[in-house]
Amino acid sequence: MPYIITSLCTDCKDTACADVCPVECIYEVKGGVDGYQNQLFINPDECIDCTNCEPACPWKAIFEADAVPALFAADIKTNADIVDAIDDFVVAKAKKTHQPSADEVARNCEKWSYKP
């Protein structure tokens, strides 16, 4: 079962997950976010379920597809939709980003009304 990047990644886009992905199945939108959320996405057709990405995400935004909280159920389809629009995406490259504090992660969860 593939892993899913949920809306908890929106505007965060930490690429620690991309750094540990052995098959480069984590993507970002090319040249902007027109029509897409400003976040990273996993191509479910390429994901090998290695589990590396989930613990690497400092924002706690990644879940196995069958464990995605109901609040983020639509994100399963959003990740799957990139398969048909792959020309709009590029493999995310790891880059040094701000590492969130526990308080920042908690505020991000609150923003989405998500209680882990």
Protein backbone atom coordinates (compact mmCIF):
# COMPACT_ATOMS: atom_id res chain seq x y z
CA MET A 1 0.00 0.00 0.00
CA PRO A 2 1.59 3.33 -1.02
CA TYR A 3 2.32 6.17 1.32
CA ILE A 4 0.42 9.47 1.04
CA ILE A 5 1.56 13.00 1.71
CA THR A 6 -1.37 14.81 3.29
CA SER A 7 -2.37 18.45 3.44
CA LEU A 8 -0.27 18.75 6.61
CA CYS A 9 2.60 19.31 4.16
CA THR A 10 0.94 22.36 2.60
CA ASP A 11 3.27 25.36 2.67
CA CYS A 12 5.83 23.32 4.64
CA LYS A 13 7.35 21.21 1.85
CA ASP A 14 10.22 19.83 3.89
CA THR A 15 12.20 17.54 1.60
CA ALA A 16 13.63 15.19 4.24
CA CYS A 17 11.24 12.58 2.81
CA ALA A 18 12.72 13.01 -0.67
CA ASP A 19 16.20 12.64 0.75
CA VAL A 20 15.44 9.13 2.05
CA CYS A 21 13.26 7.87 -0.81
CA PRO A 22 15.19 5.15 -2.68
CA VAL A 23 13.00 5.34 -5.82
CA GLU A 24 12.49 9.10 -6.12
CA CYS A 25 8.69 8.87 -6.07
CA ILE A 26 8.20 12.16 -4.20
CA TYR A 27 7.31 15.08 -6.44
CA GLU A 28 6.68 18.79 -6.36
CA VAL A 29 4.82 20.95 -8.83
CA LYS A 30 6.98 22.42 -11.60
CA GLY A 31 7.32 26.19 -11.58
CA GLY A 32 4.54 27.02 -9.16
CA VAL A 33 1.37 25.66 -7.68
CA ASP A 34 -1.35 26.67 -10.11
CA GLY A 35 -4.20 24.24 -9.50
CA TYR A 36 -2.29 22.28 -6.88
CA GLN A 37 -1.67 22.66 -3.18
CA ASN A 38 1.79 23.99 -2.29
CA GLN A 39 3.09 20.68 -0.99
CA LEU A 40 4.92 17.52 -1.97
CA PHE A 41 3.17 14.45 -3.41
CA ILE A 42 3.94 10.74 -3.65
CA ASN A 43 3.35 8.98 -6.94
CA PRO A 44 1.53 5.83 -5.76
CA ASP A 45 2.51 3.93 -8.91
CA GLU A 46 6.19 4.36 -8.03
CA CYS A 47 6.04 4.02 -4.24
CA ILE A 48 7.56 0.72 -3.07
CA ASP A 49 6.24 1.00 0.50
CA CYS A 50 9.74 1.15 1.95
CA THR A 51 8.46 3.24 4.93
CA ASN A 52 11.49 5.59 4.84
CA CYS A 53 9.50 8.75 4.19
CA GLU A 54 7.03 8.57 7.07
CA PRO A 55 9.50 8.90 9.98
CA ALA A 56 11.64 11.37 8.00
CA CYS A 57 8.82 13.93 7.71
CA PRO A 58 9.26 16.47 10.52
CA TRP A 59 5.70 17.74 9.95
CA LYS A 60 4.14 14.27 10.47
CA ALA A 61 2.33 14.68 7.13
CA ILE A 62 2.92 11.20 5.66
CA PHE A 63 0.77 8.14 6.26
CA GLU A 64 0.34 4.70 4.74
CA ALA A 65 -2.71 4.93 2.48
CA ASP A 66 -4.90 2.75 4.68
CA ALA A 67 -3.91 4.77 7.77
CA VAL A 68 -4.65 8.25 6.39
CA PRO A 69 -6.87 10.06 8.92
CA ALA A 70 -10.42 10.57 7.65
CA LEU A 71 -9.84 14.33 7.69
CA PHE A 72 -7.25 13.87 4.93
CA ALA A 73 -8.99 11.13 2.91
CA ALA A 74 -9.18 13.38 -0.17
CA ASP A 75 -5.38 13.52 -0.19
CA ILE A 76 -5.26 9.87 -1.29
CA LYS A 77 -6.90 10.90 -4.58
CA THR A 78 -4.79 14.06 -4.79
CA ASN A 79 -1.60 12.01 -4.66
CA ALA A 80 -3.01 9.50 -7.17
CA ASP A 81 -4.01 12.30 -9.55
CA ILE A 82 -0.38 13.24 -10.19
CA VAL A 83 0.05 10.01 -12.16
CA ASP A 84 -2.09 11.42 -14.99
CA ALA A 85 -0.57 14.90 -14.68
CA ILE A 86 3.06 13.87 -14.19
CA ASP A 87 4.26 16.42 -16.76
CA ASP A 88 3.26 19.14 -14.27
CA PHE A 89 5.62 17.68 -11.67
CA VAL A 90 9.31 17.18 -11.03
CA VAL A 91 11.04 14.82 -8.61
CA ALA A 92 11.59 16.71 -5.37
CA LYS A 93 15.25 17.26 -4.58
CA ALA A 94 16.42 17.29 -1.00
CA LYS A 95 17.35 20.76 0.17
CA LYS A 96 18.08 22.14 3.59
CA THR A 97 14.92 23.61 5.09
CA HIS A 98 13.75 24.95 8.40
CA GLN A 99 13.31 22.14 10.92
CA PRO A 100 10.06 22.74 12.79
CA SER A 101 9.82 22.71 16.54
CA ALA A 102 7.27 20.51 18.30
CA ASP A 103 5.18 23.67 18.86
CA GLU A 104 5.21 24.49 15.14
CA VAL A 105 4.13 20.95 14.27
CA ALA A 106 1.32 21.19 16.85
CA ARG A 107 0.17 24.55 15.43
CA ASN A 108 0.19 23.09 11.92
CA CYS A 109 -2.02 20.21 13.11
CA GLU A 110 -4.35 22.72 14.80
CA LYS A 111 -4.55 24.72 11.56
CA TRP A 112 -6.04 21.62 9.91
CA SER A 113 -8.16 20.70 12.96
CA TYR A 114 -6.18 17.49 13.20
CA LYS A 115 -5.60 15.84 16.55
CA PRO A 116 -2.96 13.09 16.18
